Amino acid sequence: QVELAESGGGLMQAGGSLRLSCTASGRTITDYVVGWFRQVPGKEREFVSAIFRRGGHTYYHDSVKGRFTISRENAKNTVYLQMNSLKPEDTGVYYCAADQRLILSSIRRAVEYDYWGQGTQVTVST
């Protein structure tokens, strides 16, 4: 069983940057698909980005393409989400999630992930 811990959230002005980290313990992170989701009150968790196990192919929601970059540092068992050109609509609680058996067609669905971190708040002001 893998445990996930997010860090790096905070308050940022529009146009700024933040980097979120998702550090895994208990298992090797390259064995998992790791996704980032965000949630605002009253709404379901929204897919942001994912990195596929082993080969590391990356996927993004259209709203963050060209602004966010997901990456993985195997030596630190950590997946990052670099967020540039932040917008107020990027505000939310960001969660990382992991699953060993996901197939490509399922990576955007929160319900498909077995393991979740506690979340980190990102607030983007105007």
N, C-alpha and C. Protein backbone atom coordinates (compact mmCIF):
# COMPACT_ATOMS: atom_id res chain seq x y z
N GLN A 1 0.84 -1.19 0.00
CA GLN A 1 0.00 0.00 0.00
C GLN A 1 0.88 1.24 0.00
N VAL A 2 0.54 2.19 -0.83
CA VAL A 2 1.32 3.42 -0.92
C VAL A 2 0.62 4.52 -0.14
N GLU A 3 1.39 5.38 0.49
CA GLU A 3 0.88 6.57 1.15
C GLU A 3 1.41 7.80 0.43
N LEU A 4 0.54 8.79 0.28
CA LEU A 4 0.88 9.99 -0.48
C LEU A 4 0.79 11.22 0.40
N ALA A 5 1.71 12.14 0.22
CA ALA A 5 1.69 13.39 0.98
C ALA A 5 1.97 14.54 0.03
N GLU A 6 1.03 15.49 -0.05
CA GLU A 6 1.20 16.67 -0.89
C GLU A 6 1.80 17.81 -0.07
N SER A 7 2.49 18.68 -0.77
CA SER A 7 2.99 19.91 -0.18
C SER A 7 3.17 20.94 -1.28
N GLY A 8 3.34 22.20 -0.87
CA GLY A 8 3.66 23.24 -1.84
C GLY A 8 2.54 24.20 -2.15
N GLY A 9 1.36 23.99 -1.61
CA GLY A 9 0.28 24.92 -1.88
C GLY A 9 0.51 26.25 -1.19
N GLY A 10 -0.38 27.19 -1.46
CA GLY A 10 -0.27 28.49 -0.83
C GLY A 10 -1.08 29.52 -1.56
N LEU A 11 -0.83 30.78 -1.22
CA LEU A 11 -1.51 31.92 -1.81
C LEU A 11 -0.58 32.57 -2.83
N MET A 12 -1.12 32.82 -4.02
CA MET A 12 -0.31 33.41 -5.08
C MET A 12 -1.17 34.37 -5.88
N GLN A 13 -0.55 35.41 -6.38
CA GLN A 13 -1.26 36.33 -7.27
C GLN A 13 -1.40 35.72 -8.66
N ALA A 14 -2.41 36.14 -9.36
CA ALA A 14 -2.59 35.70 -10.74
C ALA A 14 -1.33 36.01 -11.55
N GLY A 15 -0.94 35.05 -12.38
CA GLY A 15 0.27 35.18 -13.17
C GLY A 15 1.49 34.57 -12.52
N GLY A 16 1.39 34.24 -11.26
CA GLY A 16 2.51 33.67 -10.55
C GLY A 16 2.62 32.16 -10.74
N SER A 17 3.54 31.57 -9.99
CA SER A 17 3.83 30.14 -10.11
C SER A 17 3.89 29.47 -8.75
N LEU A 18 3.53 28.22 -8.73
CA LEU A 18 3.68 27.37 -7.56
C LEU A 18 4.09 25.98 -8.04
N ARG A 19 4.80 25.27 -7.18
CA ARG A 19 5.12 23.87 -7.48
C ARG A 19 4.59 22.99 -6.36
N LEU A 20 3.75 22.07 -6.72
CA LEU A 20 3.23 21.10 -5.77
C LEU A 20 4.05 19.82 -5.83
N SER A 21 4.20 19.20 -4.67
CA SER A 21 4.91 17.93 -4.60
C SER A 21 3.99 16.86 -4.04
N CYS A 22 4.16 15.66 -4.54
CA CYS A 22 3.43 14.49 -4.04
C CYS A 22 4.47 13.41 -3.79
N THR A 23 4.75 13.17 -2.52
CA THR A 23 5.79 12.21 -2.16
C THR A 23 5.14 10.91 -1.69
N ALA A 24 5.61 9.83 -2.26
CA ALA A 24 5.07 8.51 -1.93
C ALA A 24 5.96 7.80 -0.93
N SER A 25 5.33 7.04 -0.05
CA SER A 25 6.07 6.18 0.87
C SER A 25 5.41 4.81 0.88
N GLY A 26 6.22 3.81 1.14
CA GLY A 26 5.70 2.45 1.21
C GLY A 26 5.81 1.66 -0.08
N ARG A 27 5.84 2.36 -1.19
CA ARG A 27 5.95 1.70 -2.50
C ARG A 27 6.72 2.62 -3.44
N THR A 28 7.18 2.04 -4.55
CA THR A 28 7.89 2.81 -5.56
C THR A 28 6.90 3.52 -6.46
N ILE A 29 7.06 4.82 -6.59
CA ILE A 29 6.06 5.61 -7.28
C ILE A 29 5.97 5.29 -8.76
N THR A 30 7.04 4.76 -9.34
CA THR A 30 7.01 4.44 -10.76
C THR A 30 6.10 3.25 -11.08
N ASP A 31 5.64 2.55 -10.06
CA ASP A 31 4.71 1.44 -10.26
C ASP A 31 3.26 1.91 -10.38
N TYR A 32 3.05 3.22 -10.25
CA TYR A 32 1.70 3.77 -10.18
C TYR A 32 1.47 4.82 -11.25
N VAL A 33 0.23 4.89 -11.70
CA VAL A 33 -0.24 6.10 -12.37
C VAL A 33 -0.50 7.11 -11.26
N VAL A 34 0.02 8.31 -11.40
CA VAL A 34 -0.21 9.36 -10.40
C VAL A 34 -0.95 10.50 -11.07
N GLY A 35 -2.03 10.87 -10.45
CA GLY A 35 -2.84 11.97 -10.99
C GLY A 35 -2.94 13.11 -10.01
N TRP A 36 -3.16 14.30 -10.54
CA TRP A 36 -3.47 15.48 -9.74
C TRP A 36 -4.93 15.87 -10.04
N PHE A 37 -5.66 16.11 -8.99
CA PHE A 37 -7.04 16.56 -9.09
C PHE A 37 -7.20 17.82 -8.24
N ARG A 38 -8.21 18.61 -8.55
CA ARG A 38 -8.50 19.76 -7.70
C ARG A 38 -9.99 19.81 -7.43
N GLN A 39 -10.32 20.43 -6.31
CA GLN A 39 -11.72 20.48 -5.89
C GLN A 39 -12.02 21.82 -5.25
N VAL A 40 -13.16 22.37 -5.60
CA VAL A 40 -13.67 23.57 -4.94
C VAL A 40 -14.98 23.19 -4.26
N PRO A 41 -15.38 23.94 -3.23
CA PRO A 41 -16.60 23.59 -2.49
C PRO A 41 -17.80 23.46 -3.41
N GLY A 42 -18.55 22.38 -3.21
CA GLY A 42 -19.77 22.18 -3.97
C GLY A 42 -19.59 21.52 -5.31
N LYS A 43 -18.34 21.23 -5.67
CA LYS A 43 -18.08 20.60 -6.97
C LYS A 43 -17.30 19.31 -6.79
N GLU A 44 -17.39 18.45 -7.79
CA GLU A 44 -16.64 17.21 -7.76
C GLU A 44 -15.16 17.48 -8.05
N ARG A 45 -14.34 16.52 -7.67
CA ARG A 45 -12.92 16.64 -7.97
C ARG A 45 -12.72 16.61 -9.48
N GLU A 46 -11.88 17.54 -9.93
CA GLU A 46 -11.65 17.72 -11.36
C GLU A 46 -10.25 17.24 -11.72
N PHE A 47 -10.15 16.49 -12.78
CA PHE A 47 -8.84 16.03 -13.25
C PHE A 47 -8.01 17.21 -13.71
N VAL A 48 -6.75 17.20 -13.33
CA VAL A 48 -5.82 18.26 -13.74
C VAL A 48 -4.73 17.68 -14.65
N SER A 49 -4.09 16.61 -14.15
CA SER A 49 -2.96 16.06 -14.90
C SER A 49 -2.65 14.68 -14.37
N ALA A 50 -1.93 13.89 -15.16
CA ALA A 50 -1.51 12.57 -14.72
C ALA A 50 -0.21 12.18 -15.42
N ILE A 51 0.52 11.32 -14.76
CA ILE A 51 1.74 10.76 -15.33
C ILE A 51 1.65 9.25 -15.22
N PHE A 52 1.92 8.60 -16.34
CA PHE A 52 1.71 7.16 -16.38
C PHE A 52 2.90 6.45 -15.74
N ARG A 53 2.63 5.27 -15.19
CA ARG A 53 3.68 4.49 -14.56
C ARG A 53 4.75 4.13 -15.59
N ARG A 54 5.92 3.90 -15.05
CA ARG A 54 7.10 3.49 -15.80
C ARG A 54 7.48 4.47 -16.91
N GLY A 55 6.83 4.42 -18.04
CA GLY A 55 7.22 5.24 -19.17
C GLY A 55 7.07 6.73 -18.95
N GLY A 56 6.14 7.10 -18.07
CA GLY A 56 6.02 8.50 -17.70
C GLY A 56 5.31 9.39 -18.69
N HIS A 57 4.45 8.84 -19.55
CA HIS A 57 3.68 9.69 -20.45
C HIS A 57 2.78 10.60 -19.61
N THR A 58 2.58 11.81 -20.09
CA THR A 58 1.84 12.79 -19.32
C THR A 58 0.57 13.23 -20.03
N TYR A 59 -0.41 13.65 -19.21
CA TYR A 59 -1.72 14.01 -19.73
C TYR A 59 -2.23 15.21 -18.94
N TYR A 60 -2.99 16.07 -19.62
CA TYR A 60 -3.45 17.31 -18.98
C TYR A 60 -4.90 17.61 -19.34
N HIS A 61 -5.58 18.28 -18.41
CA HIS A 61 -6.86 18.89 -18.74
C HIS A 61 -6.59 20.04 -19.68
N ASP A 62 -7.52 20.28 -20.59
CA ASP A 62 -7.31 21.33 -21.59
C ASP A 62 -7.07 22.69 -20.92
N SER A 63 -7.68 22.94 -19.78
CA SER A 63 -7.59 24.25 -19.15
C SER A 63 -6.20 24.56 -18.60
N VAL A 64 -5.37 23.54 -18.45
CA VAL A 64 -4.03 23.77 -17.89
C VAL A 64 -2.91 23.49 -18.87
N LYS A 65 -3.24 23.01 -20.05
CA LYS A 65 -2.21 22.71 -21.05
C LYS A 65 -1.41 23.97 -21.38
N GLY A 66 -0.10 23.81 -21.41
CA GLY A 66 0.77 24.94 -21.68
C GLY A 66 1.12 25.77 -20.46
N ARG A 67 0.42 25.54 -19.36
CA ARG A 67 0.71 26.29 -18.12
C ARG A 67 1.23 25.38 -17.02
N PHE A 68 0.72 24.17 -16.93
CA PHE A 68 1.13 23.23 -15.89
C PHE A 68 1.99 22.13 -16.50
N THR A 69 2.93 21.65 -15.69
CA THR A 69 3.78 20.54 -16.11
C THR A 69 3.88 19.53 -14.98
N ILE A 70 3.57 18.29 -15.30
CA ILE A 70 3.72 17.21 -14.32
C ILE A 70 5.04 16.49 -14.62
N SER A 71 5.74 16.13 -13.57
CA SER A 71 7.01 15.44 -13.74
C SER A 71 7.24 14.52 -12.55
N ARG A 72 8.23 13.69 -12.69
CA ARG A 72 8.49 12.70 -11.64
C ARG A 72 9.99 12.64 -11.37
N GLU A 73 10.37 12.60 -10.11
CA GLU A 73 11.76 12.44 -9.71
C GLU A 73 11.86 11.11 -8.98
N ASN A 74 12.33 10.11 -9.69
CA ASN A 74 12.30 8.74 -9.16
C ASN A 74 13.14 8.60 -7.89
N ALA A 75 14.28 9.26 -7.84
CA ALA A 75 15.17 9.13 -6.67
C ALA A 75 14.50 9.63 -5.40
N LYS A 76 13.57 10.56 -5.54
CA LYS A 76 12.88 11.11 -4.38
C LYS A 76 11.47 10.54 -4.23
N ASN A 77 11.12 9.62 -5.12
CA ASN A 77 9.79 8.99 -5.05
C ASN A 77 8.68 10.06 -5.04
N THR A 78 8.86 11.05 -5.87
CA THR A 78 8.01 12.24 -5.83
C THR A 78 7.55 12.62 -7.23
N VAL A 79 6.29 13.05 -7.31
CA VAL A 79 5.72 13.62 -8.52
C VAL A 79 5.45 15.10 -8.24
N TYR A 80 5.79 15.93 -9.21
CA TYR A 80 5.61 17.38 -9.07
C TYR A 80 4.53 17.88 -10.04
N LEU A 81 3.92 18.97 -9.66
CA LEU A 81 3.04 19.70 -10.57
C LEU A 81 3.51 21.15 -10.55
N GLN A 82 4.20 21.54 -11.60
CA GLN A 82 4.64 22.92 -11.74
C GLN A 82 3.51 23.71 -12.38
N MET A 83 3.06 24.74 -11.68
CA MET A 83 1.92 25.53 -12.13
C MET A 83 2.39 26.95 -12.41
N ASN A 84 2.36 27.33 -13.67
CA ASN A 84 2.76 28.67 -14.09
C ASN A 84 1.55 29.44 -14.61
N SER A 85 1.71 30.74 -14.73
CA SER A 85 0.64 31.60 -15.24
C SER A 85 -0.69 31.31 -14.55
N LEU A 86 -0.63 31.26 -13.24
CA LEU A 86 -1.82 30.88 -12.47
C LEU A 86 -2.95 31.87 -12.68
N LYS A 87 -4.16 31.32 -12.65
CA LYS A 87 -5.38 32.10 -12.80
C LYS A 87 -6.26 31.91 -11.58
N PRO A 88 -7.13 32.86 -11.27
CA PRO A 88 -8.03 32.67 -10.12
C PRO A 88 -8.84 31.38 -10.20
N GLU A 89 -9.19 30.95 -11.39
CA GLU A 89 -9.97 29.71 -11.53
C GLU A 89 -9.15 28.46 -11.24
N ASP A 90 -7.86 28.61 -11.00
CA ASP A 90 -7.04 27.47 -10.56
C ASP A 90 -7.15 27.24 -9.06
N THR A 91 -7.83 28.11 -8.36
CA THR A 91 -8.00 27.98 -6.92
C THR A 91 -8.73 26.70 -6.57
N GLY A 92 -8.26 26.04 -5.51
CA GLY A 92 -8.91 24.83 -5.03
C GLY A 92 -7.98 24.02 -4.15
N VAL A 93 -8.51 22.94 -3.64
CA VAL A 93 -7.67 21.98 -2.92
C VAL A 93 -7.15 20.98 -3.95
N TYR A 94 -5.85 20.85 -3.99
CA TYR A 94 -5.21 19.95 -4.95
C TYR A 94 -4.84 18.65 -4.25
N TYR A 95 -5.25 17.56 -4.86
CA TYR A 95 -4.98 16.23 -4.35
C TYR A 95 -4.13 15.45 -5.35
N CYS A 96 -3.19 14.68 -4.83
CA CYS A 96 -2.57 13.69 -5.70
C CYS A 96 -3.18 12.33 -5.38
N ALA A 97 -3.21 11.49 -6.37
CA ALA A 97 -3.82 10.18 -6.26
C ALA A 97 -2.98 9.18 -7.05
N ALA A 98 -3.09 7.92 -6.67
CA ALA A 98 -2.28 6.90 -7.33
C ALA A 98 -3.06 5.60 -7.47
N ASP A 99 -2.72 4.89 -8.50
CA ASP A 99 -3.32 3.57 -8.71
C ASP A 99 -2.37 2.74 -9.57
N GLN A 100 -2.28 1.46 -9.27
CA GLN A 100 -1.35 0.59 -10.00
C GLN A 100 -1.93 0.05 -11.29
N ARG A 101 -3.24 -0.07 -11.38
CA ARG A 101 -3.83 -0.83 -12.48
C ARG A 101 -4.59 0.02 -13.50
N LEU A 102 -4.57 1.33 -13.32
CA LEU A 102 -5.34 2.17 -14.24
C LEU A 102 -4.90 1.98 -15.69
N ILE A 103 -5.90 2.01 -16.55
CA ILE A 103 -5.62 2.06 -17.97
C ILE A 103 -5.84 3.49 -18.45
N LEU A 104 -5.36 3.76 -19.64
CA LEU A 104 -5.35 5.14 -20.12
C LEU A 104 -6.74 5.76 -20.13
N SER A 105 -7.72 4.99 -20.50
CA SER A 105 -9.07 5.55 -20.63
C SER A 105 -9.68 5.95 -19.29
N SER A 106 -9.06 5.57 -18.19
CA SER A 106 -9.62 5.83 -16.86
C SER A 106 -8.88 6.89 -16.06
N ILE A 107 -7.79 7.41 -16.56
CA ILE A 107 -6.93 8.24 -15.72
C ILE A 107 -7.57 9.57 -15.33
N ARG A 108 -8.61 9.99 -16.03
CA ARG A 108 -9.25 11.27 -15.71
C ARG A 108 -10.40 11.14 -14.71
N ARG A 109 -10.68 9.92 -14.27
CA ARG A 109 -11.80 9.67 -13.39
C ARG A 109 -11.30 9.46 -11.96
N ALA A 110 -11.67 10.36 -11.05
CA ALA A 110 -11.21 10.29 -9.66
C ALA A 110 -11.59 8.98 -9.01
N VAL A 111 -12.74 8.45 -9.33
CA VAL A 111 -13.24 7.24 -8.66
C VAL A 111 -12.35 6.03 -8.97
N GLU A 112 -11.54 6.12 -9.99
CA GLU A 112 -10.71 4.98 -10.38
C GLU A 112 -9.42 4.87 -9.56
N TYR A 113 -9.09 5.89 -8.81
CA TYR A 113 -7.83 5.89 -8.06
C TYR A 113 -8.05 5.33 -6.66
N ASP A 114 -7.15 4.45 -6.23
CA ASP A 114 -7.29 3.81 -4.92
C ASP A 114 -6.68 4.62 -3.77
N TYR A 115 -5.65 5.38 -4.05
CA TYR A 115 -4.89 6.03 -2.97
C TYR A 115 -4.88 7.54 -3.17
N TRP A 116 -5.05 8.26 -2.06
CA TRP A 116 -5.16 9.72 -2.10
C TRP A 116 -4.33 10.35 -1.00
N GLY A 117 -3.79 11.52 -1.31
CA GLY A 117 -3.18 12.33 -0.28
C GLY A 117 -4.22 13.15 0.43
N GLN A 118 -3.74 13.99 1.38
CA GLN A 118 -4.66 14.76 2.21
C GLN A 118 -5.09 16.06 1.56
N GLY A 119 -4.40 16.47 0.52
CA GLY A 119 -4.74 17.68 -0.20
C GLY A 119 -3.95 18.88 0.28
N THR A 120 -3.75 19.84 -0.62
CA THR A 120 -3.08 21.08 -0.29
C THR A 120 -3.82 22.22 -0.97
N GLN A 121 -4.04 23.31 -0.22
CA GLN A 121 -4.84 24.42 -0.72
C GLN A 121 -4.00 25.31 -1.62
N VAL A 122 -4.56 25.64 -2.78
CA VAL A 122 -3.98 26.63 -3.68
C VAL A 122 -5.00 27.75 -3.86
N THR A 123 -4.59 28.96 -3.57
CA THR A 123 -5.47 30.11 -3.72
C THR A 123 -4.78 31.14 -4.62
N VAL A 124 -5.45 31.50 -5.70
CA VAL A 124 -4.90 32.47 -6.65
C VAL A 124 -5.76 33.72 -6.60
N SER A 125 -5.14 34.81 -6.24
CA SER A 125 -5.88 36.06 -6.11
C SER A 125 -5.72 36.91 -7.37
N THR A 126 -6.68 37.80 -7.56
CA THR A 126 -6.63 38.70 -8.73
C THR A 126 -5.72 39.88 -8.47
